[in-house]
Every structure is written in structure tokens, then in C-alpha cells.
Amino acid sequence: MHGGLKDFFASKDGCFANTVKAFPKVVEAFEALDETWACALVDWGVGITRKQVLPLSLFFEANVRIRLAFELGFSRCLPEAWAVMRAGIESFAFGCAFLHNPFTYEQTVVTDDEMLRARRTLRNAFKKIREQGLFLPEYGVSRLRRYWALYSGFGSHSSWTSLATRLSRKESPGQLDISFNFLEIDKRTCHVSLVDLLICSCIMEDALFRNLKGRLELDPRSLEMHAKLKDKWRKANRELLKLYASKA
């Protein structure tokens, strides 16, 4: 690899290392979040029923997307981080919906025709959930609607809003110069965005815990990790507020 692409990846890797070093409280909270998610999913994944396979798979998918969102966020690729987190929110919300509206195949899929019918049935099940409402209060995910909408505008969809953190302009008499920043260079913007991603992820974890509470309460580790996570993300948020309130 050489040229501009090599420089981009080198800059991205450098941003990741520098951001991790700059915001230790955010890193600690994210590590606690990841460990708590992993423990919960492993606990719940033992001895589940066929009707629980789909929501568990969607929760794993959400967990992966949270990891990727933070990897992009620490690398200062903020619009991409928001886009991936939006997808993670959607995976998680569907998981909660199917947890409350169980879905399973009633037959063993063997032939191609059966596979097509199974796919069509599953596609219709997702469509029905979306039509009924993805962020219903009874699923415990209503607080995520705001983040889903916010990250849609800032990351997933092409709009002036999604370009706002990336375009730089320089004007002189008779000339306007525009440059595009692939990576976020403002430390404050990066810090605020990472804490916002963290809070969104912790809202998902709290909803996961509430939905699976009966099972997770059987494992003292899950209870302890869930409690410690709240403390860590609140410390990260307090650090952010204290740091920039003093500079306001």
C-alpha cells in the first residue's frame, strides 16, 4: 500500500492511539460496557429456545456494531461511527421486538423452495415489526428513538448536516477555497461525540438487562458488572461536563 491511501490509514491509526490516550475515562467505560454485553449474551445464550435464537442473534449483531462504532469513533471517523451505531440501535430494537413477539420456523428447512418460503416469512416478520413500531415503550427501547434519528441525520444519510464536521472554508477577495477533512481534528468535538456514543450504548445495555433480568439476575457477575458500568459511564460524562464547563 502506498500513496494517499497509505497516508490515510497511517493517520487513522495514529488518531486511534492518540484518542485512546487522551480520553482514558471513555476507554474505561467502553471496556466495561463491552465486558458487560459479552457476559450477558453468554449467560443468556446457554439453553435457549428456538424462539430466542433470532433476538439473541440480533443482540450479538448490535454488540458487534457498537464495537465497530467505537473503533471508528476513536479513529475520529465520526460520521461513519454514527452510521454504524444507528445500525446497531436498529439491530437491538428489532431484537427486543422479537423478544416480545417470538418468531421461529415451524419446519426444518431442507429444499430450496422451503428456504425461499422461510426467507419470505422472516422478511415479512421484520416488515410487520417495523410497521407496528420499532421503538415501542413496552420493548424498553423508546429512549433510543432520539439517537436513531440523530445518527440518521449526522451519519447514515447524505445531507448538509452529515458534512458539517468535515468541510472547511477559507475566503479571500475573489476566491473561496474548500477542503474536506477525512478525520475529525477538533478534540472537543471528538470527546463530546464519544461520550454521546457511550451513553447511547449504555441505554441499550440497560434495556438489555431489563429485558433479560430474570435470567441475568441468576449470575452475580452480571449484576455486579451492570452496576459498575453505570458508575463508569457517569464518571466519563462528569469529566466531560467539568472539562468544558470550565472553558465555557
Protein backbone atom coordinates (compact mmCIF):
# COMPACT_ATOMS: atom_id res chain seq x y z
CA MET A 1 0.00 0.00 0.00
CA HIS A 2 1.32 3.45 -0.89
CA GLY A 3 0.36 7.00 -1.73
CA GLY A 4 -2.66 8.79 -0.31
CA LEU A 5 -4.33 5.60 0.88
CA LYS A 6 -1.29 4.65 2.94
CA ASP A 7 -1.21 8.13 4.47
CA PHE A 8 -4.92 7.94 5.30
CA PHE A 9 -4.63 4.64 7.16
CA ALA A 10 -1.49 5.82 8.96
CA SER A 11 -3.33 8.98 10.09
CA LYS A 12 -6.36 6.94 11.11
CA ASP A 13 -4.23 4.55 13.21
CA GLY A 14 -2.43 7.50 14.76
CA CYS A 15 -5.75 9.14 15.65
CA PHE A 16 -6.92 5.93 17.32
CA ALA A 17 -3.84 5.74 19.53
CA ASN A 18 -3.95 9.43 20.42
CA THR A 19 -7.67 9.41 21.19
CA VAL A 20 -7.39 6.38 23.45
CA LYS A 21 -4.60 8.14 25.32
CA ALA A 22 -6.49 11.45 25.52
CA PHE A 23 -9.78 10.10 26.94
CA PRO A 24 -8.99 7.31 29.47
CA LYS A 25 -12.35 7.59 31.25
CA VAL A 26 -14.20 6.96 28.00
CA VAL A 27 -11.95 3.99 27.25
CA GLU A 28 -12.53 2.51 30.72
CA ALA A 29 -16.29 2.91 30.37
CA PHE A 30 -16.30 1.37 26.89
CA GLU A 31 -14.27 -1.62 28.10
CA ALA A 32 -16.73 -2.11 30.97
CA LEU A 33 -19.62 -1.84 28.51
CA ASP A 34 -18.12 -4.45 26.19
CA GLU A 35 -17.43 -6.88 29.05
CA THR A 36 -20.96 -6.43 30.41
CA TRP A 37 -22.53 -7.09 26.99
CA ALA A 38 -20.36 -10.18 26.49
CA CYS A 39 -21.26 -11.59 29.90
CA ALA A 40 -24.98 -11.00 29.38
CA LEU A 41 -25.08 -12.61 25.94
CA VAL A 42 -23.05 -15.64 27.03
CA ASP A 43 -25.30 -16.10 30.09
CA TRP A 44 -28.48 -15.87 28.06
CA GLY A 45 -27.15 -17.98 25.20
CA VAL A 46 -26.99 -21.14 27.32
CA GLY A 47 -30.04 -23.38 26.99
CA ILE A 48 -32.20 -21.01 24.97
CA THR A 49 -35.29 -21.98 22.99
CA ARG A 50 -35.64 -21.80 19.22
CA LYS A 51 -37.84 -18.72 19.62
CA GLN A 52 -34.97 -16.93 21.34
CA VAL A 53 -32.40 -17.57 18.60
CA LEU A 54 -33.42 -14.57 16.47
CA PRO A 55 -33.33 -11.94 19.25
CA LEU A 56 -30.04 -13.35 20.57
CA SER A 57 -28.53 -13.13 17.07
CA LEU A 58 -29.71 -9.53 16.74
CA PHE A 59 -28.22 -8.65 20.14
CA PHE A 60 -24.89 -10.11 19.05
CA GLU A 61 -25.13 -8.08 15.84
CA ALA A 62 -25.80 -4.94 17.88
CA ASN A 63 -22.79 -5.71 20.07
CA VAL A 64 -20.52 -6.04 17.03
CA ARG A 65 -21.78 -2.74 15.62
CA ILE A 66 -21.18 -0.98 18.94
CA ARG A 67 -17.58 -2.20 18.85
CA LEU A 68 -17.14 -1.01 15.27
CA ALA A 69 -18.74 2.35 16.05
CA PHE A 70 -16.27 2.95 18.84
CA GLU A 71 -13.35 1.80 16.71
CA LEU A 72 -14.38 4.39 14.13
CA GLY A 73 -15.05 6.99 16.81
CA PHE A 74 -11.63 6.55 18.41
CA SER A 75 -10.17 6.80 14.90
CA ARG A 76 -12.03 10.11 14.52
CA CYS A 77 -14.22 8.90 11.66
CA LEU A 78 -17.29 10.35 13.38
CA PRO A 79 -19.96 10.27 10.64
CA GLU A 80 -19.07 6.61 9.97
CA ALA A 81 -19.26 5.88 13.71
CA TRP A 82 -22.72 7.46 13.91
CA ALA A 83 -23.90 5.49 10.87
CA VAL A 84 -22.72 2.18 12.32
CA MET A 85 -24.22 2.98 15.73
CA ARG A 86 -27.55 3.77 14.07
CA ALA A 87 -27.47 0.31 12.51
CA GLY A 88 -26.63 -1.14 15.93
CA ILE A 89 -29.60 0.62 17.50
CA GLU A 90 -31.85 -0.85 14.83
CA SER A 91 -30.48 -4.37 15.35
CA PHE A 92 -31.00 -4.03 19.08
CA ALA A 93 -34.52 -2.63 18.76
CA PHE A 94 -35.52 -5.48 16.44
CA GLY A 95 -34.03 -7.94 18.93
CA CYS A 96 -36.17 -6.53 21.73
CA ALA A 97 -39.24 -6.54 19.49
CA PHE A 98 -38.76 -10.21 18.57
CA LEU A 99 -38.14 -11.00 22.23
CA HIS A 100 -41.66 -9.73 22.95
CA ASN A 101 -43.10 -11.12 19.69
CA PRO A 102 -41.40 -14.53 19.34
CA PHE A 103 -40.69 -15.83 15.87
CA THR A 104 -39.45 -19.27 14.86
CA TYR A 105 -39.56 -21.59 11.90
CA GLU A 106 -42.15 -24.32 12.25
CA GLN A 107 -40.32 -26.72 9.96
CA THR A 108 -36.82 -27.85 9.13
CA VAL A 109 -35.53 -26.03 6.07
CA VAL A 110 -34.18 -28.56 3.57
CA THR A 111 -35.19 -27.77 -0.01
CA ASP A 112 -34.66 -24.57 -2.00
CA ASP A 113 -38.38 -23.88 -2.02
CA GLU A 114 -38.52 -24.22 1.76
CA MET A 115 -35.58 -21.86 2.06
CA LEU A 116 -37.34 -19.26 -0.10
CA ARG A 117 -40.53 -19.56 1.96
CA ALA A 118 -38.55 -19.27 5.19
CA ARG A 119 -36.77 -16.14 3.96
CA ARG A 120 -40.06 -14.62 2.83
CA THR A 121 -41.65 -15.37 6.20
CA LEU A 122 -38.73 -13.83 8.07
CA ARG A 123 -38.73 -10.76 5.81
CA ASN A 124 -42.45 -10.28 6.47
CA ALA A 125 -41.87 -10.64 10.21
CA PHE A 126 -39.34 -7.79 10.13
CA LYS A 127 -41.72 -5.72 7.99
CA LYS A 128 -44.57 -6.26 10.47
CA ILE A 129 -42.42 -5.16 13.40
CA ARG A 130 -41.38 -2.01 11.56
CA GLU A 131 -44.98 -1.18 10.62
CA GLN A 132 -46.18 -1.68 14.21
CA GLY A 133 -43.40 0.49 15.57
CA LEU A 134 -39.78 -0.31 16.33
CA PHE A 135 -39.34 1.85 19.43
CA LEU A 136 -42.42 0.95 21.44
CA PRO A 137 -42.26 1.61 25.22
CA GLU A 138 -43.17 -1.98 26.03
CA TYR A 139 -39.94 -3.13 24.38
CA GLY A 140 -37.93 -0.84 26.65
CA VAL A 141 -36.29 0.99 23.74
CA SER A 142 -38.27 4.24 23.40
CA ARG A 143 -35.28 6.32 24.61
CA LEU A 144 -33.27 5.09 21.63
CA ARG A 145 -35.52 6.74 19.04
CA ARG A 146 -33.82 10.11 19.55
CA TYR A 147 -30.35 8.66 19.00
CA TRP A 148 -31.53 6.67 15.98
CA ALA A 149 -32.93 9.84 14.38
CA LEU A 150 -29.88 11.92 15.34
CA TYR A 151 -27.39 9.42 13.91
CA SER A 152 -29.51 9.08 10.78
CA GLY A 153 -29.01 12.76 10.02
CA PHE A 154 -25.38 13.00 11.08
CA GLY A 155 -24.11 9.72 9.71
CA SER A 156 -26.35 7.47 7.64
CA HIS A 157 -27.87 9.95 5.19
CA SER A 158 -26.10 12.33 2.86
CA SER A 159 -27.04 15.84 3.90
CA TRP A 160 -25.55 19.18 4.82
CA THR A 161 -25.69 18.05 8.46
CA SER A 162 -23.53 14.99 7.70
CA LEU A 163 -20.95 17.26 6.06
CA ALA A 164 -20.92 19.86 8.81
CA THR A 165 -17.94 18.48 10.73
CA ARG A 166 -15.87 17.85 7.61
CA LEU A 167 -15.94 20.89 5.37
CA SER A 168 -13.52 23.74 5.93
CA ARG A 169 -13.61 27.00 4.05
CA LYS A 170 -11.14 29.79 3.52
CA GLU A 171 -12.16 33.01 1.83
CA SER A 172 -10.05 35.72 0.34
CA PRO A 173 -11.00 38.56 -2.03
CA GLY A 174 -12.39 36.95 -5.14
CA GLN A 175 -11.66 33.37 -4.05
CA LEU A 176 -13.27 30.64 -1.94
CA ASP A 177 -11.28 27.53 -1.02
CA ILE A 178 -12.99 24.40 0.30
CA SER A 179 -11.21 21.46 1.91
CA PHE A 180 -12.57 18.14 3.15
CA ASN A 181 -11.38 16.66 6.44
CA PHE A 182 -11.48 12.87 6.36
CA LEU A 183 -10.73 12.70 10.08
CA GLU A 184 -12.09 14.92 12.85
CA ILE A 185 -9.37 17.25 14.12
CA ASP A 186 -11.24 19.05 16.89
CA LYS A 187 -10.58 17.40 20.26
CA ARG A 188 -13.71 18.74 21.93
CA THR A 189 -16.00 17.55 19.11
CA CYS A 190 -14.42 14.11 19.30
CA HIS A 191 -14.74 13.92 23.09
CA VAL A 192 -18.40 15.00 23.10
CA SER A 193 -19.24 12.56 20.30
CA LEU A 194 -17.57 9.61 22.02
CA VAL A 195 -19.42 10.27 25.27
CA ASP A 196 -22.67 10.54 23.33
CA LEU A 197 -21.99 7.16 21.67
CA LEU A 198 -21.17 5.76 25.10
CA ILE A 199 -24.40 6.96 26.69
CA CYS A 200 -26.43 5.59 23.77
CA SER A 201 -24.69 2.21 24.11
CA CYS A 202 -25.31 2.15 27.86
CA ILE A 203 -29.01 2.86 27.29
CA MET A 204 -29.04 -0.24 25.08
CA GLU A 205 -27.22 -2.27 27.73
CA ASP A 206 -29.70 -1.14 30.39
CA ALA A 207 -32.62 -2.14 28.16
CA LEU A 208 -30.94 -5.49 27.51
CA PHE A 209 -30.55 -6.07 31.24
CA ARG A 210 -34.18 -5.16 31.93
CA ASN A 211 -35.46 -7.43 29.17
CA LEU A 212 -33.33 -10.37 30.36
CA LYS A 213 -33.40 -9.52 34.07
CA GLY A 214 -34.94 -12.80 35.20
CA ARG A 215 -32.08 -14.76 33.64
CA LEU A 216 -29.19 -12.36 34.31
CA GLU A 217 -30.02 -11.97 38.00
CA LEU A 218 -29.02 -15.61 38.44
CA ASP A 219 -25.40 -14.65 37.72
CA PRO A 220 -23.82 -12.39 40.39
CA ARG A 221 -21.22 -11.29 37.84
CA SER A 222 -23.87 -9.79 35.58
CA LEU A 223 -25.39 -7.82 38.45
CA GLU A 224 -22.00 -6.52 39.55
CA MET A 225 -20.88 -5.59 36.04
CA HIS A 226 -24.18 -3.87 35.29
CA ALA A 227 -23.85 -1.74 38.43
CA LYS A 228 -20.19 -0.86 37.79
CA LEU A 229 -20.94 0.14 34.21
CA LYS A 230 -23.36 2.83 35.36
CA ASP A 231 -20.68 4.28 37.61
CA LYS A 232 -18.06 4.32 34.85
CA TRP A 233 -20.15 6.00 32.16
CA ARG A 234 -21.35 8.60 34.65
CA LYS A 235 -17.73 9.37 35.56
CA ALA A 236 -16.89 9.77 31.86
CA ASN A 237 -19.84 12.13 31.44
CA ARG A 238 -18.97 14.14 34.55
CA GLU A 239 -15.38 14.51 33.33
CA LEU A 240 -16.66 15.85 30.01
CA LEU A 241 -19.02 18.34 31.66
CA LYS A 242 -16.39 19.52 34.12
CA LEU A 243 -13.73 19.93 31.45
CA TYR A 244 -15.74 22.04 29.03
CA ALA A 245 -17.98 23.84 31.53
CA SER A 246 -14.83 25.46 32.92
CA LYS A 247 -13.96 26.70 29.42
CA ALA A 248 -17.41 27.98 28.50
